[in-house]
């Protein structure tokens, strides 16, 4: 579900973003393997596989987070040791690490620059046009084409609780 906040549309929670993206990974050329993979003390949002069989670890944020590179690094370390879904993943291929957030902080770019791992940063935003709402994923480095995913069904409806909160804050109710 979505809410309208500070003049823009956003997912009501990281779980809502995760649910939406898990249903639309094919738009990124990926197939979902698992949501919320738990290993040791960490929980990665999405594990997927690409067309070549390479594992893809996706970390999703509904707000900017300076620790997203460190999180993905820990997930990578654990997954390489545990090798989940080995029947569907070719572990001889490099693991892809994708961070999806509404924006990235300077710390994210510094951490990525000095890491030995390869990270892709995708900025997400929801745009409204004449045909409805669209999730827009943009590679901050321009390395891949933008991905546009129509927001439909339950996700396109505003969250009633968020709408009431907005009205209370504005003194309408």
N, C-alpha and C. Protein backbone atom coordinates (compact mmCIF):
# COMPACT_ATOMS: atom_id res chain seq x y z
N UNK A 1 0.83 -1.18 0.00
CA UNK A 1 0.00 0.00 0.00
C UNK A 1 0.87 1.25 0.00
N UNK A 2 0.27 2.32 -0.42
CA UNK A 2 0.97 3.59 -0.56
C UNK A 2 0.38 4.64 0.36
N UNK A 3 1.15 5.68 0.56
CA UNK A 3 0.64 6.87 1.23
C UNK A 3 1.22 8.08 0.53
N UNK A 4 0.49 9.17 0.62
CA UNK A 4 0.95 10.42 0.03
C UNK A 4 1.54 11.24 1.17
N UNK A 5 2.84 11.52 1.07
CA UNK A 5 3.53 12.19 2.16
C UNK A 5 4.49 13.22 1.61
N UNK A 6 4.45 14.42 2.16
CA UNK A 6 5.35 15.50 1.75
C UNK A 6 5.32 15.72 0.24
N UNK A 7 4.12 15.64 -0.34
CA UNK A 7 3.96 15.92 -1.76
C UNK A 7 4.38 14.81 -2.70
N UNK A 8 4.60 13.60 -2.17
CA UNK A 8 4.99 12.49 -3.05
C UNK A 8 4.39 11.19 -2.54
N UNK A 9 4.29 10.21 -3.43
CA UNK A 9 3.80 8.89 -3.07
C UNK A 9 4.95 8.03 -2.57
N UNK A 10 4.70 7.28 -1.50
CA UNK A 10 5.70 6.36 -0.95
C UNK A 10 4.99 5.09 -0.48
N UNK A 11 5.73 4.01 -0.36
CA UNK A 11 5.17 2.80 0.23
C UNK A 11 5.01 3.04 1.73
N UNK A 12 3.96 2.48 2.32
CA UNK A 12 3.69 2.71 3.74
C UNK A 12 4.76 2.08 4.63
N UNK A 13 5.45 1.07 4.11
CA UNK A 13 6.48 0.39 4.90
C UNK A 13 7.46 -0.30 3.97
N UNK A 14 8.58 -0.71 4.56
CA UNK A 14 9.55 -1.49 3.80
C UNK A 14 8.95 -2.84 3.39
N UNK A 15 8.08 -3.39 4.24
CA UNK A 15 7.42 -4.66 3.91
C UNK A 15 6.51 -4.51 2.69
N UNK A 16 5.85 -3.37 2.56
CA UNK A 16 5.00 -3.13 1.39
C UNK A 16 5.86 -3.03 0.13
N UNK A 17 6.99 -2.34 0.23
CA UNK A 17 7.93 -2.26 -0.90
C UNK A 17 8.42 -3.65 -1.27
N UNK A 18 8.79 -4.44 -0.27
CA UNK A 18 9.27 -5.80 -0.50
C UNK A 18 8.21 -6.66 -1.18
N UNK A 19 6.98 -6.57 -0.70
CA UNK A 19 5.90 -7.34 -1.30
C UNK A 19 5.70 -6.99 -2.76
N UNK A 20 5.70 -5.69 -3.04
CA UNK A 20 5.50 -5.23 -4.42
C UNK A 20 6.65 -5.71 -5.32
N UNK A 21 7.89 -5.47 -4.89
CA UNK A 21 9.02 -5.86 -5.73
C UNK A 21 9.13 -7.37 -5.90
N UNK A 22 8.80 -8.13 -4.86
CA UNK A 22 8.89 -9.58 -4.98
C UNK A 22 7.93 -10.11 -6.05
N UNK A 23 6.84 -9.39 -6.27
CA UNK A 23 5.87 -9.78 -7.31
C UNK A 23 6.26 -9.28 -8.70
N UNK A 24 7.27 -8.40 -8.78
CA UNK A 24 7.63 -7.80 -10.06
C UNK A 24 9.12 -7.93 -10.39
N UNK A 25 9.79 -8.91 -9.83
CA UNK A 25 11.22 -9.08 -10.10
C UNK A 25 11.52 -9.38 -11.56
N UNK A 26 10.55 -9.98 -12.26
CA UNK A 26 10.78 -10.29 -13.68
C UNK A 26 11.06 -9.02 -14.48
N UNK A 27 10.57 -7.88 -14.01
CA UNK A 27 10.85 -6.60 -14.68
C UNK A 27 12.34 -6.26 -14.61
N UNK A 28 13.04 -6.84 -13.63
CA UNK A 28 14.48 -6.65 -13.49
C UNK A 28 15.26 -7.83 -14.06
N UNK A 29 14.55 -8.75 -14.72
CA UNK A 29 15.21 -9.93 -15.27
C UNK A 29 15.57 -10.95 -14.21
N UNK A 30 14.82 -10.96 -13.10
CA UNK A 30 15.13 -11.84 -11.98
C UNK A 30 13.95 -12.74 -11.65
N UNK A 31 14.26 -13.87 -11.00
CA UNK A 31 13.25 -14.79 -10.50
C UNK A 31 13.44 -14.91 -8.99
N UNK A 32 12.37 -14.74 -8.25
CA UNK A 32 12.43 -14.80 -6.79
C UNK A 32 12.76 -16.21 -6.32
N UNK A 33 13.71 -16.29 -5.41
CA UNK A 33 14.01 -17.55 -4.73
C UNK A 33 13.41 -17.56 -3.33
N UNK A 34 13.57 -16.44 -2.60
CA UNK A 34 13.09 -16.40 -1.23
C UNK A 34 13.00 -14.97 -0.72
N UNK A 35 11.98 -14.74 0.08
CA UNK A 35 11.85 -13.48 0.83
C UNK A 35 12.36 -13.73 2.24
N UNK A 36 12.99 -12.71 2.82
CA UNK A 36 13.42 -12.75 4.22
C UNK A 36 14.27 -13.99 4.54
N UNK A 37 15.36 -14.16 3.79
CA UNK A 37 16.28 -15.26 4.06
C UNK A 37 17.02 -14.98 5.37
N UNK A 38 16.88 -15.88 6.33
CA UNK A 38 17.49 -15.70 7.65
C UNK A 38 18.74 -16.56 7.73
N UNK A 39 19.84 -15.90 8.11
CA UNK A 39 21.10 -16.60 8.30
C UNK A 39 21.84 -15.94 9.46
N UNK A 40 22.29 -16.76 10.39
CA UNK A 40 22.98 -16.29 11.59
C UNK A 40 22.12 -15.21 12.25
N UNK A 41 22.59 -13.97 12.27
CA UNK A 41 21.83 -12.88 12.90
C UNK A 41 21.25 -11.92 11.87
N UNK A 42 21.36 -12.25 10.61
CA UNK A 42 20.92 -11.34 9.56
C UNK A 42 19.72 -11.89 8.81
N UNK A 43 19.00 -10.97 8.17
CA UNK A 43 17.82 -11.33 7.39
C UNK A 43 17.86 -10.49 6.11
N UNK A 44 18.16 -11.14 4.99
CA UNK A 44 18.18 -10.40 3.72
C UNK A 44 16.77 -10.33 3.16
N UNK A 45 16.45 -9.21 2.53
CA UNK A 45 15.08 -8.99 2.06
C UNK A 45 14.68 -9.97 0.97
N UNK A 46 15.45 -10.01 -0.11
CA UNK A 46 15.10 -10.87 -1.24
C UNK A 46 16.32 -11.59 -1.78
N UNK A 47 16.17 -12.87 -2.05
CA UNK A 47 17.15 -13.64 -2.80
C UNK A 47 16.50 -13.97 -4.13
N UNK A 48 17.25 -13.76 -5.20
CA UNK A 48 16.73 -14.03 -6.54
C UNK A 48 17.84 -14.64 -7.38
N UNK A 49 17.48 -15.07 -8.56
CA UNK A 49 18.44 -15.60 -9.51
C UNK A 49 18.20 -14.90 -10.84
N UNK A 50 19.29 -14.61 -11.57
CA UNK A 50 19.13 -13.98 -12.88
C UNK A 50 19.10 -15.05 -13.97
N UNK A 51 18.99 -14.61 -15.24
CA UNK A 51 18.86 -15.56 -16.35
C UNK A 51 20.04 -16.49 -16.48
N UNK A 52 21.23 -16.05 -16.04
CA UNK A 52 22.43 -16.87 -16.17
C UNK A 52 22.59 -17.85 -15.01
N UNK A 53 21.75 -17.71 -13.98
CA UNK A 53 21.84 -18.58 -12.81
C UNK A 53 22.60 -17.97 -11.66
N UNK A 54 23.03 -16.72 -11.81
CA UNK A 54 23.77 -16.05 -10.72
C UNK A 54 22.81 -15.64 -9.61
N UNK A 55 23.28 -15.77 -8.38
CA UNK A 55 22.49 -15.33 -7.23
C UNK A 55 22.49 -13.82 -7.16
N UNK A 56 21.34 -13.25 -6.80
CA UNK A 56 21.21 -11.80 -6.62
C UNK A 56 20.62 -11.58 -5.23
N UNK A 57 21.32 -10.78 -4.43
CA UNK A 57 20.84 -10.41 -3.10
C UNK A 57 20.35 -8.98 -3.19
N UNK A 58 19.10 -8.76 -2.81
CA UNK A 58 18.52 -7.41 -2.86
C UNK A 58 18.21 -6.94 -1.45
N UNK A 59 18.68 -5.74 -1.12
CA UNK A 59 18.34 -5.10 0.14
C UNK A 59 17.49 -3.88 -0.18
N UNK A 60 16.34 -3.79 0.46
CA UNK A 60 15.37 -2.74 0.16
C UNK A 60 15.25 -1.79 1.33
N UNK A 61 15.14 -0.52 1.02
CA UNK A 61 14.95 0.50 2.05
C UNK A 61 13.83 1.43 1.61
N UNK A 62 13.01 1.81 2.57
CA UNK A 62 11.95 2.78 2.30
C UNK A 62 12.41 4.19 2.65
N UNK A 63 13.58 4.29 3.31
CA UNK A 63 14.22 5.56 3.63
C UNK A 63 15.72 5.39 3.37
N UNK A 64 16.43 6.50 3.24
CA UNK A 64 17.88 6.41 3.07
C UNK A 64 18.50 5.76 4.30
N UNK A 65 19.57 4.99 4.09
CA UNK A 65 20.21 4.26 5.18
C UNK A 65 21.71 4.21 4.91
N UNK A 66 22.51 4.76 5.81
CA UNK A 66 23.95 4.82 5.59
C UNK A 66 24.62 3.45 5.73
N UNK A 67 23.92 2.44 6.23
CA UNK A 67 24.53 1.13 6.45
C UNK A 67 24.18 0.07 5.43
N UNK A 68 23.62 0.45 4.31
CA UNK A 68 23.13 -0.55 3.35
C UNK A 68 24.26 -1.37 2.72
N UNK A 69 25.42 -0.78 2.49
CA UNK A 69 26.54 -1.52 1.91
C UNK A 69 27.05 -2.56 2.91
N UNK A 70 27.17 -2.16 4.17
CA UNK A 70 27.61 -3.10 5.21
C UNK A 70 26.63 -4.26 5.35
N UNK A 71 25.34 -3.96 5.28
CA UNK A 71 24.33 -5.03 5.36
C UNK A 71 24.50 -6.02 4.22
N UNK A 72 24.59 -5.53 3.01
CA UNK A 72 24.74 -6.42 1.86
C UNK A 72 26.03 -7.22 1.94
N UNK A 73 27.08 -6.62 2.47
CA UNK A 73 28.36 -7.32 2.63
C UNK A 73 28.20 -8.49 3.60
N UNK A 74 27.52 -8.28 4.72
CA UNK A 74 27.27 -9.37 5.68
C UNK A 74 26.42 -10.46 5.05
N UNK A 75 25.39 -10.08 4.31
CA UNK A 75 24.54 -11.07 3.66
C UNK A 75 25.35 -11.90 2.67
N UNK A 76 26.20 -11.22 1.91
CA UNK A 76 27.06 -11.90 0.94
C UNK A 76 27.92 -12.95 1.64
N UNK A 77 28.57 -12.54 2.73
CA UNK A 77 29.45 -13.44 3.46
C UNK A 77 28.72 -14.70 3.92
N UNK A 78 27.54 -14.52 4.45
CA UNK A 78 26.76 -15.65 4.95
C UNK A 78 26.27 -16.54 3.80
N UNK A 79 25.76 -15.94 2.77
CA UNK A 79 25.21 -16.71 1.65
C UNK A 79 26.29 -17.51 0.94
N UNK A 80 27.47 -16.95 0.80
CA UNK A 80 28.57 -17.66 0.15
C UNK A 80 28.94 -18.92 0.95
N UNK A 81 28.85 -18.82 2.27
CA UNK A 81 29.16 -19.98 3.11
C UNK A 81 28.03 -21.01 3.11
N UNK A 82 26.79 -20.54 3.21
CA UNK A 82 25.65 -21.46 3.34
C UNK A 82 25.14 -22.00 2.00
N UNK A 83 25.30 -21.23 0.94
CA UNK A 83 24.89 -21.62 -0.41
C UNK A 83 23.44 -22.11 -0.50
N UNK A 84 22.49 -21.27 -0.09
CA UNK A 84 21.08 -21.68 -0.20
C UNK A 84 20.65 -21.80 -1.66
N UNK A 85 19.65 -22.60 -1.89
CA UNK A 85 19.06 -22.80 -3.23
C UNK A 85 20.11 -23.27 -4.24
N UNK A 86 21.05 -24.10 -3.78
CA UNK A 86 22.16 -24.51 -4.65
C UNK A 86 21.69 -25.27 -5.89
N UNK A 87 20.51 -25.84 -5.85
CA UNK A 87 19.98 -26.51 -7.03
C UNK A 87 19.55 -25.55 -8.13
N UNK A 88 19.33 -24.29 -7.78
CA UNK A 88 18.86 -23.29 -8.75
C UNK A 88 19.88 -22.19 -9.01
N UNK A 89 20.96 -22.16 -8.22
CA UNK A 89 21.95 -21.09 -8.32
C UNK A 89 23.28 -21.66 -8.77
N UNK A 90 23.94 -20.95 -9.68
CA UNK A 90 25.29 -21.32 -10.11
C UNK A 90 26.27 -20.49 -9.29
N UNK A 91 26.81 -21.10 -8.24
CA UNK A 91 27.71 -20.38 -7.34
C UNK A 91 29.10 -20.16 -7.93
N UNK A 92 29.35 -20.65 -9.14
CA UNK A 92 30.63 -20.32 -9.79
C UNK A 92 30.57 -18.92 -10.41
N UNK A 93 29.36 -18.36 -10.52
CA UNK A 93 29.19 -17.01 -11.06
C UNK A 93 29.24 -16.00 -9.91
N UNK A 94 29.65 -14.76 -10.22
CA UNK A 94 29.67 -13.73 -9.16
C UNK A 94 28.26 -13.45 -8.64
N UNK A 95 28.16 -13.26 -7.33
CA UNK A 95 26.90 -12.89 -6.70
C UNK A 95 26.68 -11.40 -6.95
N UNK A 96 25.47 -11.06 -7.35
CA UNK A 96 25.12 -9.65 -7.59
C UNK A 96 24.48 -9.07 -6.33
N UNK A 97 24.88 -7.86 -5.97
CA UNK A 97 24.36 -7.18 -4.78
C UNK A 97 23.65 -5.91 -5.22
N UNK A 98 22.36 -5.83 -4.94
CA UNK A 98 21.56 -4.68 -5.38
C UNK A 98 20.91 -4.02 -4.18
N UNK A 99 21.17 -2.73 -4.03
CA UNK A 99 20.54 -1.92 -3.00
C UNK A 99 19.47 -1.06 -3.67
N UNK A 100 18.25 -1.12 -3.14
CA UNK A 100 17.15 -0.33 -3.69
C UNK A 100 16.64 0.57 -2.57
N UNK A 101 16.73 1.88 -2.79
CA UNK A 101 16.35 2.86 -1.76
C UNK A 101 15.89 4.14 -2.45
N UNK A 102 15.21 5.03 -1.71
CA UNK A 102 14.78 6.29 -2.32
C UNK A 102 15.94 7.25 -2.56
N UNK A 103 17.07 6.98 -1.95
CA UNK A 103 18.26 7.81 -2.14
C UNK A 103 19.43 7.16 -1.42
N UNK A 104 20.61 7.65 -1.71
CA UNK A 104 21.82 7.09 -1.12
C UNK A 104 22.67 8.21 -0.53
N UNK A 105 23.26 7.93 0.60
CA UNK A 105 24.07 8.92 1.31
C UNK A 105 25.52 8.83 0.87
N UNK A 106 26.27 9.85 1.20
CA UNK A 106 27.69 9.89 0.87
C UNK A 106 28.40 8.65 1.42
N UNK A 107 28.03 8.22 2.63
CA UNK A 107 28.66 7.05 3.24
C UNK A 107 28.49 5.81 2.37
N UNK A 108 27.33 5.67 1.72
CA UNK A 108 27.09 4.52 0.85
C UNK A 108 28.09 4.48 -0.30
N UNK A 109 28.34 5.64 -0.89
CA UNK A 109 29.26 5.70 -2.03
C UNK A 109 30.70 5.46 -1.60
N UNK A 110 31.09 5.97 -0.43
CA UNK A 110 32.44 5.73 0.10
C UNK A 110 32.62 4.26 0.41
N UNK A 111 31.65 3.66 1.11
CA UNK A 111 31.74 2.24 1.45
C UNK A 111 31.84 1.39 0.19
N UNK A 112 31.05 1.71 -0.80
CA UNK A 112 31.06 0.95 -2.06
C UNK A 112 32.39 1.11 -2.78
N UNK A 113 32.92 2.31 -2.80
CA UNK A 113 34.16 2.59 -3.52
C UNK A 113 35.32 1.73 -3.01
N UNK A 114 35.37 1.51 -1.71
CA UNK A 114 36.51 0.79 -1.14
C UNK A 114 36.21 -0.68 -0.84
N UNK A 115 35.08 -1.16 -1.29
CA UNK A 115 34.74 -2.57 -1.11
C UNK A 115 35.28 -3.37 -2.29
N UNK A 116 35.56 -4.63 -2.05
CA UNK A 116 35.98 -5.53 -3.13
C UNK A 116 34.77 -6.09 -3.89
N UNK A 117 33.61 -5.89 -3.34
CA UNK A 117 32.38 -6.41 -3.95
C UNK A 117 31.79 -5.37 -4.90
N UNK A 118 30.94 -5.85 -5.79
CA UNK A 118 30.30 -4.97 -6.77
C UNK A 118 28.85 -4.74 -6.37
N UNK A 119 28.49 -3.48 -6.16
CA UNK A 119 27.14 -3.11 -5.73
C UNK A 119 26.46 -2.29 -6.82
N UNK A 120 25.18 -2.52 -6.99
CA UNK A 120 24.35 -1.69 -7.85
C UNK A 120 23.40 -0.92 -6.94
N UNK A 121 23.33 0.39 -7.12
CA UNK A 121 22.41 1.23 -6.36
C UNK A 121 21.27 1.64 -7.28
N UNK A 122 20.05 1.25 -6.93
CA UNK A 122 18.86 1.65 -7.67
C UNK A 122 18.02 2.57 -6.79
N UNK A 123 17.75 3.75 -7.30
CA UNK A 123 16.91 4.72 -6.58
C UNK A 123 15.46 4.45 -6.98
N UNK A 124 14.58 4.35 -5.97
CA UNK A 124 13.16 4.14 -6.29
C UNK A 124 12.34 5.38 -5.97
N UNK A 125 11.36 5.61 -6.83
CA UNK A 125 10.39 6.69 -6.62
C UNK A 125 9.09 6.27 -7.28
N UNK A 126 8.00 6.83 -6.78
CA UNK A 126 6.69 6.55 -7.37
C UNK A 126 6.23 7.82 -8.05
N UNK A 127 5.95 7.69 -9.34
CA UNK A 127 5.54 8.85 -10.13
C UNK A 127 4.08 8.70 -10.52
N UNK A 128 3.38 9.82 -10.48
CA UNK A 128 1.97 9.84 -10.86
C UNK A 128 1.84 10.52 -12.22
N UNK A 129 1.09 9.87 -13.12
CA UNK A 129 0.82 10.47 -14.42
C UNK A 129 -0.63 10.21 -14.78
N UNK A 130 -1.00 10.52 -16.00
CA UNK A 130 -2.40 10.40 -16.43
C UNK A 130 -2.93 8.97 -16.34
N UNK A 131 -2.06 7.99 -16.47
CA UNK A 131 -2.51 6.60 -16.45
C UNK A 131 -2.46 5.97 -15.06
N UNK A 132 -1.91 6.66 -14.08
CA UNK A 132 -1.85 6.12 -12.73
C UNK A 132 -0.48 6.30 -12.10
N UNK A 133 -0.12 5.35 -11.26
CA UNK A 133 1.14 5.41 -10.53
C UNK A 133 2.13 4.40 -11.10
N UNK A 134 3.41 4.78 -11.11
CA UNK A 134 4.46 3.92 -11.63
C UNK A 134 5.65 3.95 -10.69
N UNK A 135 6.18 2.76 -10.35
CA UNK A 135 7.43 2.68 -9.60
C UNK A 135 8.56 2.85 -10.60
N UNK A 136 9.43 3.79 -10.33
CA UNK A 136 10.54 4.12 -11.21
C UNK A 136 11.83 3.72 -10.51
N UNK A 137 12.59 2.79 -11.10
CA UNK A 137 13.88 2.37 -10.57
C UNK A 137 14.97 2.91 -11.47
N UNK A 138 15.88 3.68 -10.88
CA UNK A 138 16.94 4.33 -11.66
C UNK A 138 18.30 3.92 -11.11
N UNK A 139 19.16 3.40 -11.98
CA UNK A 139 20.54 3.09 -11.61
C UNK A 139 21.26 4.42 -11.40
N UNK A 140 21.74 4.67 -10.19
CA UNK A 140 22.36 5.97 -9.90
C UNK A 140 23.63 6.20 -10.70
N UNK A 141 24.23 5.12 -11.23
CA UNK A 141 25.44 5.24 -12.03
C UNK A 141 25.16 5.21 -13.52
N UNK A 142 23.89 5.06 -13.90
CA UNK A 142 23.53 5.02 -15.31
C UNK A 142 23.96 3.75 -16.01
N UNK A 143 24.29 2.70 -15.24
CA UNK A 143 24.79 1.46 -15.83
C UNK A 143 23.73 0.60 -16.47
N UNK A 144 22.48 0.82 -16.13
CA UNK A 144 21.41 0.05 -16.76
C UNK A 144 20.22 0.97 -16.98
N UNK A 145 19.36 0.54 -17.88
CA UNK A 145 18.19 1.35 -18.23
C UNK A 145 17.24 1.46 -17.04
N UNK A 146 16.52 2.56 -16.98
CA UNK A 146 15.50 2.73 -15.95
C UNK A 146 14.42 1.66 -16.11
N UNK A 147 13.86 1.24 -15.01
CA UNK A 147 12.79 0.25 -15.02
C UNK A 147 11.53 0.93 -14.50
N UNK A 148 10.45 0.82 -15.27
CA UNK A 148 9.16 1.40 -14.89
C UNK A 148 8.17 0.27 -14.66
N UNK A 149 7.57 0.24 -13.47
CA UNK A 149 6.62 -0.81 -13.13
C UNK A 149 5.31 -0.16 -12.71
N UNK A 150 4.21 -0.41 -13.45
CA UNK A 150 2.92 0.16 -13.04
C UNK A 150 2.52 -0.34 -11.65
N UNK A 151 2.02 0.55 -10.84
CA UNK A 151 1.55 0.20 -9.49
C UNK A 151 0.04 -0.01 -9.60
N UNK A 152 -0.39 -1.26 -9.40
CA UNK A 152 -1.79 -1.60 -9.58
C UNK A 152 -2.30 -2.41 -8.40
N UNK A 153 -3.58 -2.71 -8.44
CA UNK A 153 -4.18 -3.57 -7.42
C UNK A 153 -4.11 -2.97 -6.04
N UNK A 154 -3.88 -3.83 -5.05
CA UNK A 154 -3.88 -3.39 -3.66
C UNK A 154 -2.81 -2.35 -3.38
N UNK A 155 -1.72 -2.38 -4.12
CA UNK A 155 -0.64 -1.43 -3.87
C UNK A 155 -0.99 -0.01 -4.32
N UNK A 156 -1.90 0.11 -5.27
CA UNK A 156 -2.25 1.43 -5.80
C UNK A 156 -3.24 2.17 -4.90
N UNK A 157 -3.82 1.46 -3.96
CA UNK A 157 -4.78 2.10 -3.06
C UNK A 157 -4.06 2.73 -1.89
N UNK A 158 -4.40 3.95 -1.56
CA UNK A 158 -3.79 4.58 -0.38
C UNK A 158 -4.16 3.82 0.88
N UNK A 159 -3.25 3.84 1.84
CA UNK A 159 -3.48 3.21 3.14
C UNK A 159 -4.44 4.08 3.94
N UNK A 160 -5.61 3.55 4.34
CA UNK A 160 -6.59 4.37 5.06
C UNK A 160 -6.03 4.97 6.36
N UNK A 161 -5.24 4.22 7.09
CA UNK A 161 -4.67 4.73 8.34
C UNK A 161 -3.76 5.91 8.08
N UNK A 162 -2.98 5.83 7.00
CA UNK A 162 -2.08 6.94 6.66
C UNK A 162 -2.88 8.17 6.25
N UNK A 163 -3.98 7.96 5.54
CA UNK A 163 -4.82 9.09 5.12
C UNK A 163 -5.44 9.78 6.33
N UNK A 164 -5.90 9.00 7.31
CA UNK A 164 -6.48 9.59 8.52
C UNK A 164 -5.41 10.37 9.28
N UNK A 165 -4.20 9.80 9.38
CA UNK A 165 -3.10 10.50 10.07
C UNK A 165 -2.80 11.82 9.39
N UNK A 166 -2.77 11.83 8.07
CA UNK A 166 -2.51 13.08 7.33
C UNK A 166 -3.59 14.11 7.61
N UNK A 167 -4.85 13.68 7.66
CA UNK A 167 -5.95 14.62 7.93
C UNK A 167 -5.86 15.18 9.35
N UNK A 168 -5.52 14.34 10.29
CA UNK A 168 -5.39 14.80 11.68
C UNK A 168 -4.27 15.83 11.77
N UNK A 169 -3.14 15.54 11.13
CA UNK A 169 -2.02 16.48 11.15
C UNK A 169 -2.38 17.81 10.52
N UNK A 170 -3.23 17.78 9.51
CA UNK A 170 -3.63 19.01 8.83
C UNK A 170 -4.82 19.68 9.50
N UNK A 171 -5.39 19.04 10.52
CA UNK A 171 -6.52 19.62 11.23
C UNK A 171 -7.83 19.51 10.49
N UNK A 172 -7.94 18.56 9.55
CA UNK A 172 -9.14 18.41 8.74
C UNK A 172 -10.20 17.61 9.48
N UNK A 173 -9.79 16.63 10.26
CA UNK A 173 -10.75 15.74 10.93
C UNK A 173 -11.25 16.38 12.20
